Protein backbone atom coordinates (compact mmCIF):
# COMPACT_ATOMS: atom_id res chain seq x y z
CA MET A 1 -97.53 14.07 87.60
CA GLN A 2 -97.98 10.65 89.41
CA ARG A 3 -101.19 9.05 91.25
CA SER A 4 -100.15 6.82 93.49
CA ARG A 5 -102.13 3.17 93.31
CA SER A 6 -103.99 3.65 96.30
CA LEU A 7 -105.64 6.57 94.96
CA ILE A 8 -106.21 4.97 91.75
CA VAL A 9 -107.69 1.62 93.27
CA ALA A 10 -109.83 3.44 95.44
CA ALA A 11 -111.43 5.25 92.60
CA VAL A 12 -112.19 2.45 90.49
CA THR A 13 -114.25 0.78 93.47
CA ALA A 14 -116.15 3.89 94.37
CA ALA A 15 -117.17 4.21 90.27
CA LEU A 16 -118.35 0.49 90.30
CA ALA A 17 -119.98 0.92 93.82
CA ILE A 18 -121.53 4.37 93.78
CA SER A 19 -121.28 5.70 90.58
CA VAL A 20 -118.89 8.72 91.51
CA ILE A 21 -117.49 8.85 88.33
CA ALA A 22 -121.19 9.36 87.14
CA THR A 23 -120.70 13.06 87.36
CA LEU A 24 -117.74 13.76 84.66
CA VAL A 25 -118.05 14.35 81.02
CA MET A 26 -116.30 12.01 78.50
CA GLY A 27 -114.48 14.19 76.24
CA ALA A 28 -114.65 12.62 72.88
CA SER A 29 -117.62 10.19 73.49
CA THR A 30 -120.39 9.58 75.97
CA LYS A 31 -120.30 6.01 75.05
CA THR A 32 -118.86 3.33 77.86
CA ARG A 33 -115.79 1.70 76.57
CA ILE A 34 -114.70 -1.50 77.97
CA ILE A 35 -111.00 -2.99 77.09
CA ALA A 36 -111.20 -6.55 77.58
CA VAL A 37 -108.09 -8.91 78.20
CA ASN A 38 -107.82 -12.36 78.09
CA GLY A 39 -105.67 -13.41 81.12
CA VAL A 40 -106.37 -17.20 81.02
CA PRO A 41 -103.48 -19.00 80.47
CA GLY A 42 -103.73 -21.52 77.27
CA GLN A 43 -107.21 -20.97 76.70
CA PRO A 44 -109.00 -18.58 74.24
CA ALA A 45 -111.57 -16.91 74.98
CA ASP A 46 -115.48 -15.67 73.60
CA ILE A 47 -116.96 -12.20 75.27
CA CYS A 48 -120.75 -11.97 75.38
CA LEU A 49 -122.45 -9.06 76.18
CA ASN A 50 -126.38 -9.19 77.43
CA GLY A 51 -126.01 -13.43 75.92
CA LYS A 52 -124.77 -12.06 72.38
CA GLU A 53 -121.31 -13.02 71.35
CA ARG A 54 -119.54 -9.91 70.55
CA VAL A 55 -115.83 -11.26 70.11
CA SER A 56 -114.88 -15.08 69.45
CA GLY A 57 -111.55 -16.92 70.33
CA LEU A 58 -109.92 -14.32 71.93
CA ARG A 59 -106.04 -15.63 72.64
CA TYR A 60 -104.08 -15.72 75.67
CA GLY A 61 -102.51 -11.83 76.31
CA LYS A 62 -104.55 -10.15 73.71
CA SER A 63 -106.95 -7.07 74.05
CA THR A 64 -109.93 -6.14 72.06
CA VAL A 65 -111.86 -2.56 72.94
CA LEU A 66 -115.89 -3.13 72.94
CA GLU A 67 -117.95 0.45 72.82
CA MET A 68 -121.62 0.25 74.03
CA ASN A 69 -124.42 2.42 74.93
CA ASN A 70 -124.98 3.29 78.68
CA SER A 71 -127.23 0.85 79.78
CA PRO A 72 -127.53 -2.31 82.13
CA LYS A 73 -124.80 -5.18 80.83
CA VAL A 74 -123.55 -8.12 82.23
CA MET A 75 -120.23 -9.33 80.14
CA LYS A 76 -119.19 -13.04 80.33
CA PHE A 77 -115.96 -14.37 79.28
CA THR A 78 -116.34 -17.94 78.51
CA LYS A 79 -114.42 -20.66 76.86
CA ALA A 80 -114.10 -20.52 73.47
CA ALA A 81 -116.77 -22.99 71.81
CA GLY A 82 -115.99 -23.09 68.36
CA GLY A 83 -119.01 -21.97 66.34
CA ARG A 84 -121.74 -21.68 69.52
CA PRO A 85 -121.82 -18.26 70.67
CA CYS A 86 -121.78 -18.21 74.40
CA SER A 87 -121.87 -21.67 75.29
CA GLY A 88 -118.15 -22.35 76.82
CA ASN A 89 -117.67 -22.85 80.51
CA LEU A 90 -117.48 -19.45 82.34
CA LEU A 91 -114.44 -17.97 82.77
CA GLY A 92 -115.79 -14.64 84.69
CA LYS A 93 -118.12 -12.11 84.40
CA ARG A 94 -119.31 -8.68 85.21
CA THR A 95 -122.43 -6.59 85.98
CA PHE A 96 -122.21 -2.99 85.66
CA ASP A 97 -124.66 0.09 84.82
CA PRO A 98 -122.96 2.91 83.27
CA PRO A 99 -124.35 6.03 84.04
CA PRO A 100 -125.33 8.62 81.10
CA GLY A 101 -122.15 10.05 80.54
CA GLY A 102 -120.14 6.54 80.08
CA TRP A 103 -117.55 5.02 81.59
CA ASP A 104 -114.18 3.84 80.22
CA LEU A 105 -112.75 0.51 81.91
CA THR A 106 -110.44 -2.09 81.85
CA PHE A 107 -111.69 -5.61 82.19
CA VAL A 108 -109.05 -8.49 82.81
CA VAL A 109 -110.24 -11.72 83.31
CA THR A 110 -107.91 -14.11 85.16
CA PRO A 111 -107.32 -17.79 85.65
CA LYS A 112 -109.10 -17.95 89.21
CA GLY A 113 -110.25 -15.11 92.09
CA PRO A 114 -110.34 -12.99 94.31
CA LYS A 115 -110.43 -10.33 91.19
CA ARG A 116 -111.63 -13.14 88.56
CA VAL A 117 -112.33 -10.38 86.46
CA ALA A 118 -109.53 -7.45 87.26
CA VAL A 119 -111.21 -3.87 86.87
CA PHE A 120 -109.48 -0.80 86.27
CA ASP A 121 -110.56 2.95 85.57
CA ASN A 122 -109.16 4.30 82.30
CA MET A 123 -110.37 7.95 83.01
CA LEU A 124 -107.29 9.61 84.04
CA PRO A 125 -106.58 13.42 83.78
CA ALA A 126 -103.79 14.29 81.36
CA ASP A 127 -102.84 17.70 79.84
CA PRO A 128 -102.83 18.93 75.83
CA GLY A 129 -99.79 16.66 74.35
CA GLU A 130 -99.57 14.09 77.35
CA ALA A 131 -100.03 10.60 77.26
CA ILE A 132 -100.92 8.70 80.34
CA VAL A 133 -98.35 5.43 81.06
CA ALA A 134 -100.70 2.66 83.36
CA TRP A 135 -98.87 -0.38 84.41
CA ARG A 136 -101.11 -3.00 85.91
CA TYR A 137 -100.95 -6.17 87.82
CA ALA A 138 -104.01 -8.74 86.87
CA GLY A 139 -102.11 -12.02 87.07
CA ASN A 140 -102.08 -14.67 89.92
CA LEU A 141 -98.39 -14.81 90.42
CA GLY A 142 -98.57 -13.74 93.96
CA LYS A 143 -96.84 -10.40 94.89
CA VAL A 144 -94.80 -8.92 92.32
CA LEU A 145 -92.43 -5.42 91.71
CA LEU A 146 -93.20 -3.60 88.41
CA GLY A 147 -89.59 -1.60 87.09
CA TYR A 148 -90.10 1.50 84.90
CA GLN A 149 -87.06 2.00 82.72
CA PRO A 150 -87.21 5.49 80.58
CA VAL A 151 -84.88 6.72 77.77
CA SER A 152 -84.63 10.54 77.58
CA SER A 153 -84.82 12.17 74.42
CA LEU A 154 -83.13 15.12 75.74
CA ALA A 155 -80.25 13.29 76.61
CA PRO A 156 -79.50 10.22 74.83
CA ILE A 157 -78.13 7.80 77.44
CA PRO A 158 -78.01 3.96 77.75
CA PRO A 159 -81.12 2.92 79.62
CA GLN A 160 -80.68 3.16 83.27
CA PRO A 161 -82.03 -0.16 85.76
CA ALA A 162 -85.40 -0.22 86.23
CA ALA A 163 -86.43 1.30 89.18
CA SER A 164 -90.04 0.56 90.91
CA PRO A 165 -92.46 3.30 91.05
CA SER A 166 -93.32 2.25 94.39
CA PRO A 167 -91.26 0.59 97.52
CA SER A 168 -93.85 -1.61 98.09
CA PRO A 169 -94.78 -4.94 96.14
CA PHE A 170 -98.17 -5.01 94.06
CA SER A 171 -100.72 -7.50 94.77
CA LYS A 172 -103.22 -8.56 92.41
CA GLY A 173 -105.49 -5.50 90.99
CA ASP A 174 -102.92 -2.55 92.17
CA GLU A 175 -101.71 -0.30 89.21
CA PHE A 176 -99.73 2.35 89.21
CA ALA A 177 -100.37 5.22 86.51
CA THR A 178 -97.90 8.55 85.38
CA ALA A 179 -98.23 11.05 82.84
CA ALA A 180 -95.41 11.89 80.35
CA THR A 181 -94.65 13.33 77.00
CA PRO A 182 -92.28 12.62 74.00
CA ASP A 183 -90.31 15.83 75.13
CA ASP A 184 -89.18 14.25 78.36
CA VAL A 185 -89.32 10.54 78.12
CA ASP A 186 -88.85 9.23 74.45
CA ARG A 187 -89.13 5.20 75.04
CA PHE A 188 -89.77 3.16 78.02
CA ARG A 189 -90.04 -0.37 79.00
CA LEU A 190 -91.15 -2.58 82.44
CA VAL A 191 -89.55 -5.60 83.60
CA ALA A 192 -91.29 -7.92 86.38
CA LYS A 193 -89.65 -9.57 89.16
CA LYS A 194 -91.29 -11.97 91.68
CA ALA A 195 -90.86 -9.97 94.96
CA LYS A 196 -89.63 -12.81 97.04
CA ASN A 197 -86.70 -13.77 95.07
CA ARG A 198 -86.36 -10.90 92.43
CA LYS A 199 -86.29 -13.72 89.67
CA THR A 200 -87.12 -12.03 86.27
CA LEU A 201 -90.85 -12.83 85.25
CA ALA A 202 -91.80 -10.76 82.27
CA ARG A 203 -90.35 -7.84 79.94
CA THR A 204 -91.81 -5.60 77.65
CA PRO A 205 -89.51 -4.25 74.43
CA PHE A 206 -88.82 -0.69 74.41
CA THR A 207 -91.92 1.50 73.50
CA ARG A 208 -92.04 5.05 72.44
CA ILE A 209 -94.23 7.56 74.51
CA LYS A 210 -97.64 8.76 72.30
CA ALA A 211 -99.18 12.14 73.14
CA GLY A 212 -102.77 12.00 73.51
CA LYS A 213 -102.71 7.70 74.42
CA LEU A 214 -103.32 5.76 77.32
CA GLN A 215 -100.86 3.23 76.95
CA GLN A 216 -101.66 0.30 79.20
CA VAL A 217 -98.98 -2.25 80.27
CA VAL A 218 -100.62 -5.16 81.97
CA LEU A 219 -99.26 -8.09 83.63
CA VAL A 220 -101.02 -11.50 83.63
CA GLY A 221 -100.26 -14.96 83.92
CA ASN A 222 -100.13 -17.78 86.95
CA LYS A 223 -96.74 -19.19 86.28
CA GLY A 224 -93.36 -17.94 85.56
CA ARG A 225 -93.43 -19.32 82.18
CA ASN A 226 -96.82 -17.86 81.09
CA ALA A 227 -96.28 -14.43 82.59
CA ARG A 228 -96.35 -11.99 79.96
CA PHE A 229 -97.95 -7.94 79.45
CA ALA A 230 -100.73 -7.37 77.70
CA ARG A 231 -99.76 -4.01 75.76
CA ILE A 232 -102.94 -1.50 74.78
CA ASN A 233 -102.50 1.99 73.22
CA VAL A 234 -106.00 3.64 72.80
CA PRO A 235 -106.73 7.31 72.51
CA LEU A 236 -107.17 8.96 76.15
CA ARG A 237 -110.55 9.95 77.53
CA THR A 238 -110.03 12.31 79.87
CA PRO A 239 -112.84 13.52 82.32
CA SER A 240 -113.75 17.25 82.18
CA PRO A 241 -113.79 19.17 85.30
CA SER A 242 -116.97 19.82 86.82
CA PRO A 243 -119.45 22.61 86.10
């Protein structure tokens, strides 16, 4: 059950622009969940929501989960200011107004624009017993290839060479998601390479599929030496069918 990158990216844009997602109902909660990722190399970040600090000193490549009510919000990523909340230089910000049913999004602050704060939609449909594996690109590394290397639990074999889910290179803001169960994929890892010369930028360790989880792997960085994957596992929130 694969979803193309173009459809997923289009869904994010529509949700933020005209609240298409407002008609969906959260499975487990009606609050908004924002997963915030620091994608600025070498720069710890404070995260402020409507002027109040929620997270202090989030390190590069790390993430945090924030839940909030559904009212207008301004989220700012600022340079960590050592005990002076929300006073550091601005790294990036996002303004949003969740609908009554709430949103489930990932925000990744990056070193520079376009898409200074990359946004990904986490409300991806899954069947009972499935996980969603989403690999996402939020770096300033030019075009990249992301390879997926699964290991089957049904017929244990050495890992196969990583294969790209799409023949097209990924640009900043692109993503790909697929559903999987522990029965058909035991473990997986991702490998990122420069599209231009196939030089390896980063790879994850092998990760087990966990049913009921959204398993995000986000490529961040702006140079080969600091490229890395941020790995995030959170419970799935799947949209219910419209009445």
